[in-house]
Amino acid sequence: MNVSDYDYELDESFIAQSPIKNRSESKLMILNKETGEVENTQFYNIKNYLKKGDVLVLNDTKVLPARLMGNKSDTNAKIEILLLKNIDGDVWECLAKPGKRLHIGTEIIFNDKLKGIIKEKLEDGIVKVEFLYQGIFLEIIEEIGLMPLPPYIHQSLKDQDRYQTVYAKYLGSAAAPTAGLHFTKELLNELSDMGVIITYVTLHVGLGTFRPVEVENIKDHHMHSEYYEMKSDTADILNKAKNEGRKIYAVGTTSTRVLETVATKYNKFIACSGNTDIFIYPGYVFKAIDGLITNFHLPKSTLLMLVSALATKEYILNAYEIAKKNNYRFFSFGDAMFIK
């Protein structure tokens, strides 16, 4: 299976540069994963495609303002650090630019309260940084950090909350679980009133989700691990739904990866936490989900491969062509697809 099989052409004009004014007014494509048939509607009509007893699983991670701008203490050279994952105590795995300027022991000054020391250099510009600070680390990050918008978004974000879901709870992501950006509190309440069961898992989005595939054979690609957690009440809801033959729909590829990780590891759902590097691509047999609400993904990305595993590559790429003809907006701030 070659990465080039998951390529498609996309003019830059299709890439959403800013969020739509009202979250739930995004376009929504319904894709039948068995037939490839599509319908076009608005996201607030998702309620017409869900029914009482269906379970909707959302990722309640919260995005850290994880981009830190600093200077090397010896040369004053500018360094950008992106927090990816807390390793242990005050040591974080980070993406550094430019990584070539950094060596073990390099000191980076961010402000008078925060500095970092390079402890280890890994592959692909990833470093381990020990942070030294005065006060509470996450409060300092909230104060000086910038939202880590993807590189294809060139406009600044006026309202930082628009890169958070309305249900974001646990701080720790380096990127938003963007499928959830379409939900409003009002829409979630409507769904709940209908009898749709809404529950949450946590996956702190790190490099694994947005790292490009740089090998030709996708089986040679290794996913970077990301922290996940499933609580006992969610596990109980999911096990009951499975036993009763009710549908489980994931909101986002990140929620999908948690659900499939747990179901694969334990053959059921249990309260657990850990790190997952699950890589889902065509040929994968889904054990947890019946469908998926997701955005439109980058060419050659692991996310495009995941949705292709659920609905076939042919159906997905055909749906993307239909989306372009109907002026859908692509990627993080773009429109949505419900694969069911």
Protein backbone atom coordinates (compact mmCIF):
# COMPACT_ATOMS: atom_id res chain seq x y z
CA MET A 1 0.00 0.00 0.00
CA ASN A 2 1.63 3.18 -1.21
CA VAL A 3 1.19 6.62 0.31
CA SER A 4 0.72 7.99 -3.21
CA ASP A 5 -2.59 6.07 -3.38
CA TYR A 6 -3.94 8.52 -0.79
CA ASP A 7 -3.08 11.66 -2.70
CA TYR A 8 -5.58 14.04 -4.25
CA GLU A 9 -5.46 17.54 -5.73
CA LEU A 10 -6.70 20.44 -3.64
CA ASP A 11 -6.47 24.09 -4.57
CA GLU A 12 -5.41 26.28 -1.66
CA SER A 13 -8.70 28.19 -1.95
CA PHE A 14 -10.51 25.19 -0.39
CA ILE A 15 -8.46 25.38 2.84
CA ALA A 16 -10.48 27.12 5.54
CA GLN A 17 -8.39 29.92 7.02
CA SER A 18 -10.79 30.87 9.81
CA PRO A 19 -13.70 29.28 11.65
CA ILE A 20 -17.24 29.84 10.42
CA LYS A 21 -19.21 32.40 12.47
CA ASN A 22 -21.66 29.87 13.94
CA ARG A 23 -20.07 26.50 14.69
CA SER A 24 -23.04 24.31 13.77
CA GLU A 25 -23.72 26.02 10.43
CA SER A 26 -20.81 24.25 8.72
CA LYS A 27 -21.64 22.04 5.76
CA LEU A 28 -22.11 18.35 6.57
CA MET A 29 -21.69 15.49 4.12
CA ILE A 30 -23.35 12.19 4.99
CA LEU A 31 -21.41 9.27 3.49
CA ASN A 32 -22.91 5.78 3.45
CA LYS A 33 -19.91 3.55 4.05
CA GLU A 34 -21.63 0.53 2.48
CA THR A 35 -22.74 2.15 -0.80
CA GLY A 36 -20.63 5.30 -1.15
CA GLU A 37 -23.77 7.42 -1.57
CA VAL A 38 -23.58 10.99 -0.24
CA GLU A 39 -26.01 13.62 0.99
CA ASN A 40 -25.23 17.29 1.56
CA THR A 41 -26.72 19.19 4.50
CA GLN A 42 -25.75 21.50 7.39
CA PHE A 43 -24.08 20.32 10.58
CA TYR A 44 -27.00 21.26 12.84
CA ASN A 45 -29.02 18.60 10.96
CA ILE A 46 -26.78 15.86 12.42
CA LYS A 47 -29.73 15.21 14.74
CA ASN A 48 -31.69 13.85 11.76
CA TYR A 49 -29.11 11.09 11.32
CA LEU A 50 -28.90 10.00 14.97
CA LYS A 51 -31.54 8.26 17.05
CA LYS A 52 -32.39 7.45 20.65
CA GLY A 53 -29.89 5.02 22.15
CA ASP A 54 -27.04 5.93 19.80
CA VAL A 55 -23.80 6.70 21.63
CA LEU A 56 -21.73 9.71 20.62
CA VAL A 57 -18.13 9.66 21.91
CA LEU A 58 -16.24 12.98 22.08
CA ASN A 59 -12.64 13.78 22.96
CA ASP A 60 -12.62 16.25 25.89
CA THR A 61 -8.96 17.23 25.62
CA LYS A 62 -8.12 20.93 25.81
CA VAL A 63 -5.51 22.59 23.60
CA LEU A 64 -2.47 24.03 25.31
CA PRO A 65 -1.22 27.35 23.94
CA ALA A 66 1.75 25.13 23.17
CA ARG A 67 3.89 27.34 20.90
CA LEU A 68 6.62 29.02 22.92
CA MET A 69 8.93 31.62 21.43
CA GLY A 70 12.33 31.94 23.09
CA ASN A 71 15.99 32.79 22.58
CA LYS A 72 19.18 30.83 23.14
CA SER A 73 20.90 32.25 26.20
CA ASP A 74 24.36 32.25 24.57
CA THR A 75 23.65 33.69 21.10
CA ASN A 76 20.15 35.18 21.49
CA ALA A 77 19.09 33.17 18.38
CA LYS A 78 15.32 32.77 18.09
CA ILE A 79 13.96 29.32 18.89
CA GLU A 80 10.37 28.06 18.61
CA ILE A 81 9.29 25.20 20.85
CA LEU A 82 6.04 23.25 20.46
CA LEU A 83 5.03 21.27 23.55
CA LEU A 84 4.00 17.77 22.49
CA LYS A 85 3.83 15.55 25.56
CA ASN A 86 4.69 15.67 29.24
CA ILE A 87 7.23 12.89 29.84
CA ASP A 88 7.95 13.10 33.54
CA GLY A 89 7.77 15.96 36.01
CA ASP A 90 8.99 19.08 34.24
CA VAL A 91 10.43 17.23 31.23
CA TRP A 92 8.45 17.57 27.99
CA GLU A 93 8.81 16.11 24.53
CA CYS A 94 8.84 19.06 22.14
CA LEU A 95 9.23 19.92 18.50
CA ALA A 96 11.99 22.51 18.09
CA LYS A 97 12.64 24.91 15.19
CA PRO A 98 15.38 25.25 14.09
CA GLY A 99 16.43 22.00 15.77
CA LYS A 100 19.93 22.05 14.28
CA ARG A 101 20.90 24.99 16.50
CA LEU A 102 20.18 23.05 19.66
CA HIS A 103 22.51 20.77 21.57
CA ILE A 104 22.25 18.88 24.82
CA GLY A 105 22.64 21.48 27.56
CA THR A 106 21.44 24.42 25.40
CA GLU A 107 19.50 26.92 27.52
CA ILE A 108 16.45 28.69 26.06
CA ILE A 109 15.00 31.78 27.74
CA PHE A 110 11.27 32.36 27.24
CA ASN A 111 10.72 35.13 29.80
CA ASP A 112 11.84 36.08 33.29
CA LYS A 113 9.76 33.24 34.77
CA LEU A 114 10.51 30.41 32.35
CA LYS A 115 13.52 28.79 30.72
CA GLY A 116 14.27 25.38 29.27
CA ILE A 117 17.30 23.10 29.07
CA ILE A 118 17.73 20.62 26.19
CA LYS A 119 18.16 17.20 27.82
CA GLU A 120 18.04 14.93 24.79
CA LYS A 121 17.83 15.17 20.98
CA LEU A 122 15.65 12.67 19.14
CA GLU A 123 14.70 12.29 15.45
CA ASP A 124 12.79 14.74 13.23
CA GLY A 125 13.49 17.87 15.27
CA ILE A 126 12.07 16.38 18.47
CA VAL A 127 13.85 17.20 21.72
CA LYS A 128 13.31 16.56 25.41
CA VAL A 129 13.26 19.81 27.37
CA GLU A 130 13.41 20.28 31.12
CA PHE A 131 11.59 23.47 32.12
CA LEU A 132 12.72 25.65 35.02
CA TYR A 133 10.21 28.23 36.21
CA GLN A 134 8.91 30.41 38.99
CA GLY A 135 5.24 29.86 39.80
CA ILE A 136 2.81 27.36 38.23
CA PHE A 137 3.98 25.93 34.90
CA LEU A 138 0.61 25.71 33.12
CA GLU A 139 -0.34 29.21 34.25
CA ILE A 140 2.87 30.55 32.70
CA ILE A 141 2.14 28.63 29.47
CA GLU A 142 -1.40 30.06 29.37
CA GLU A 143 0.12 33.52 29.80
CA ILE A 144 2.91 33.44 27.19
CA GLY A 145 2.04 30.55 24.84
CA LEU A 146 0.44 30.84 21.41
CA MET A 147 -2.23 28.55 19.95
CA PRO A 148 -0.49 25.91 17.78
CA LEU A 149 -2.47 26.46 14.57
CA PRO A 150 -1.52 24.15 11.68
CA PRO A 151 1.01 25.53 9.16
CA TYR A 152 -1.59 25.73 6.36
CA ILE A 153 -3.56 28.34 8.34
CA HIS A 154 -2.00 31.72 7.55
CA GLN A 155 -4.50 34.02 9.27
CA SER A 156 -4.19 34.87 12.95
CA LEU A 157 -7.03 33.67 15.17
CA LYS A 158 -8.86 36.55 16.81
CA ASP A 159 -10.78 34.41 19.31
CA GLN A 160 -8.53 31.71 20.78
CA ASP A 161 -11.58 29.79 22.08
CA ARG A 162 -12.55 28.97 18.50
CA TYR A 163 -9.67 26.47 18.45
CA GLN A 164 -11.23 24.72 21.45
CA THR A 165 -14.31 22.52 21.51
CA VAL A 166 -17.14 23.80 23.73
CA TYR A 167 -16.64 20.71 25.95
CA ALA A 168 -12.82 20.92 26.25
CA LYS A 169 -11.84 19.96 29.80
CA TYR A 170 -8.39 18.41 30.29
CA LEU A 171 -5.43 20.55 29.20
CA GLY A 172 -2.76 18.71 27.24
CA SER A 173 -3.18 18.80 23.44
CA ALA A 174 -0.84 20.30 20.88
CA ALA A 175 -3.73 20.53 18.39
CA ALA A 176 -7.52 20.60 18.54
CA PRO A 177 -9.69 17.51 17.93
CA THR A 178 -11.25 19.45 15.08
CA ALA A 179 -14.32 17.29 14.33
CA GLY A 180 -15.71 18.47 17.65
CA LEU A 181 -15.40 22.17 16.73
CA HIS A 182 -18.79 21.97 14.95
CA PHE A 183 -20.77 21.24 18.11
CA THR A 184 -22.45 23.94 20.19
CA LYS A 185 -23.70 23.42 23.73
CA GLU A 186 -27.25 23.91 22.40
CA LEU A 187 -26.82 21.18 19.79
CA LEU A 188 -25.37 18.76 22.34
CA ASN A 189 -28.34 19.47 24.63
CA GLU A 190 -30.75 18.84 21.75
CA LEU A 191 -29.12 15.50 21.03
CA SER A 192 -29.20 14.54 24.69
CA ASP A 193 -32.90 15.46 24.91
CA MET A 194 -33.52 13.15 21.92
CA GLY A 195 -32.02 10.26 23.86
CA VAL A 196 -28.61 10.23 22.17
CA ILE A 197 -26.10 9.21 24.84
CA ILE A 198 -23.09 11.54 24.95
CA THR A 199 -19.91 10.39 26.63
CA TYR A 200 -16.22 11.34 26.62
CA VAL A 201 -12.73 9.94 26.28
CA THR A 202 -9.47 11.89 26.41
CA LEU A 203 -6.64 11.80 23.89
CA HIS A 204 -4.03 14.51 24.09
CA VAL A 205 -3.25 15.24 20.46
CA GLY A 206 0.46 15.21 19.78
CA LEU A 207 2.75 14.55 16.83
CA GLY A 208 1.11 11.20 16.01
CA THR A 209 -2.00 12.82 14.64
CA PHE A 210 -0.43 15.37 12.31
CA ARG A 211 3.03 14.01 11.51
CA PRO A 212 3.36 13.53 7.73
CA VAL A 213 3.92 10.08 6.23
CA GLU A 214 7.41 10.19 4.78
CA VAL A 215 7.74 6.55 3.64
CA GLU A 216 6.34 5.22 0.37
CA ASN A 217 4.88 2.02 1.85
CA ILE A 218 2.44 3.12 4.55
CA LYS A 219 3.09 -0.07 6.53
CA ASP A 220 6.58 1.30 7.23
CA HIS A 221 5.19 4.44 8.90
CA HIS A 222 5.44 4.51 12.69
CA MET A 223 2.91 6.56 14.63
CA HIS A 224 4.14 8.73 17.47
CA SER A 225 2.41 7.72 20.72
CA GLU A 226 -0.21 9.91 22.41
CA TYR A 227 -1.70 9.77 25.91
CA TYR A 228 -5.29 8.55 26.27
CA GLU A 229 -7.75 7.85 29.06
CA MET A 230 -11.13 6.14 29.35
CA LYS A 231 -13.15 6.46 32.54
CA SER A 232 -15.33 3.71 34.04
CA ASP A 233 -18.66 5.44 33.34
CA THR A 234 -17.77 5.71 29.64
CA ALA A 235 -16.65 2.06 29.54
CA ASP A 236 -19.97 0.99 31.10
CA ILE A 237 -21.99 3.03 28.56
CA LEU A 238 -20.03 1.55 25.65
CA ASN A 239 -20.20 -2.07 26.85
CA LYS A 240 -23.96 -1.76 27.38
CA ALA A 241 -24.43 -0.30 23.90
CA LYS A 242 -22.40 -3.11 22.33
CA ASN A 243 -24.31 -5.78 24.22
CA GLU A 244 -27.63 -4.27 23.14
CA GLY A 245 -26.60 -3.80 19.51
CA ARG A 246 -26.80 -0.01 19.59
CA LYS A 247 -24.59 2.20 17.42
CA ILE A 248 -21.38 3.81 18.67
CA TYR A 249 -20.26 6.89 16.74
CA ALA A 250 -16.90 8.54 17.35
CA VAL A 251 -16.51 12.28 16.99
CA GLY A 252 -13.09 12.61 15.40
CA THR A 253 -10.20 10.36 14.53
CA THR A 254 -8.72 10.94 17.99
CA SER A 255 -11.78 9.49 19.75
CA THR A 256 -11.69 6.63 17.24
CA ARG A 257 -8.10 5.83 18.12
CA VAL A 258 -8.91 5.65 21.84
CA LEU A 259 -11.94 3.40 21.30
CA GLU A 260 -10.14 1.07 18.91
CA THR A 261 -7.05 0.94 21.14
CA VAL A 262 -9.06 -0.14 24.18
CA ALA A 263 -11.29 -2.59 22.27
CA THR A 264 -8.25 -4.18 20.61
CA LYS A 265 -6.26 -4.45 23.83
CA TYR A 266 -9.01 -5.75 26.14
CA ASN A 267 -11.70 -7.10 23.77
CA LYS A 268 -14.14 -4.88 25.67
CA PHE A 269 -14.17 -1.40 27.19
CA ILE A 270 -12.57 -0.82 30.60
CA ALA A 271 -11.38 2.14 32.65
CA CYS A 272 -7.77 2.60 31.60
CA SER A 273 -5.10 5.05 30.49
CA GLY A 274 -1.83 4.85 28.67
CA ASN A 275 -0.13 5.75 25.40
CA THR A 276 -1.33 4.61 21.99
CA ASP A 277 0.48 4.50 18.66
CA ILE A 278 -2.33 2.66 16.86
CA PHE A 279 -2.18 3.23 13.10
CA ILE A 280 -5.46 2.51 11.31
CA TYR A 281 -5.36 2.08 7.54
CA PRO A 282 -7.32 -0.02 4.98
CA GLY A 283 -7.47 -3.67 5.95
CA TYR A 284 -8.07 -2.77 9.59
CA VAL A 285 -11.17 -4.42 11.11
CA PHE A 286 -13.02 -1.97 13.37
CA LYS A 287 -13.90 -3.42 16.77
CA ALA A 288 -15.43 -0.41 18.53
CA ILE A 289 -17.12 2.11 16.25
CA ASP A 290 -20.00 1.93 13.79
CA GLY A 291 -19.42 5.36 12.30
CA LEU A 292 -17.42 8.55 12.51
CA ILE A 293 -17.95 12.31 12.41
CA THR A 294 -14.81 13.86 10.98
CA ASN A 295 -13.39 16.73 8.94
CA PHE A 296 -11.85 16.63 5.44
CA HIS A 297 -8.22 15.60 5.76
CA LEU A 298 -4.89 16.40 4.13
CA PRO A 299 -3.65 14.37 1.16
CA LYS A 300 -1.35 11.46 2.09
CA SER A 301 -2.18 11.85 5.81
CA THR A 302 -2.71 9.09 8.38
CA LEU A 303 -6.16 10.63 9.01
CA LEU A 304 -7.15 10.12 5.37
CA MET A 305 -5.96 6.51 5.67
CA LEU A 306 -8.06 6.01 8.82
CA VAL A 307 -11.30 7.20 7.20
CA SER A 308 -10.46 5.11 4.12
CA ALA A 309 -10.28 2.05 6.36
CA LEU A 310 -13.85 2.74 7.45
CA ALA A 311 -15.45 3.60 4.10
CA THR A 312 -12.92 2.42 1.47
CA LYS A 313 -10.40 4.64 -0.27
CA GLU A 314 -12.55 4.81 -3.41
CA TYR A 315 -15.65 6.06 -1.57
CA ILE A 316 -13.66 8.61 0.43
CA LEU A 317 -11.77 10.07 -2.54
CA ASN A 318 -15.00 10.20 -4.57
CA ALA A 319 -16.72 12.00 -1.68
CA TYR A 320 -13.84 14.50 -1.56
CA GLU A 321 -14.34 15.27 -5.25
CA ILE A 322 -18.05 15.84 -4.60
CA ALA A 323 -17.10 18.08 -1.67
CA LYS A 324 -14.93 20.24 -3.92
CA LYS A 325 -17.75 20.59 -6.46
CA ASN A 326 -20.03 21.75 -3.61
CA ASN A 327 -17.47 24.24 -2.21
CA TYR A 328 -16.83 22.45 1.06
CA ARG A 329 -14.11 23.93 3.24
CA PHE A 330 -11.24 21.57 4.07
CA PHE A 331 -9.00 20.78 7.09
CA SER A 332 -9.08 22.08 10.67
CA PHE A 333 -11.56 24.97 10.36
CA GLY A 334 -13.43 23.31 7.51
CA ASP A 335 -16.66 21.39 7.08
CA ALA A 336 -17.62 17.94 8.32
CA MET A 337 -18.43 14.44 7.12
CA PHE A 338 -20.50 11.80 8.90
CA ILE A 339 -19.50 8.30 7.80
CA LYS A 340 -22.26 5.89 8.82
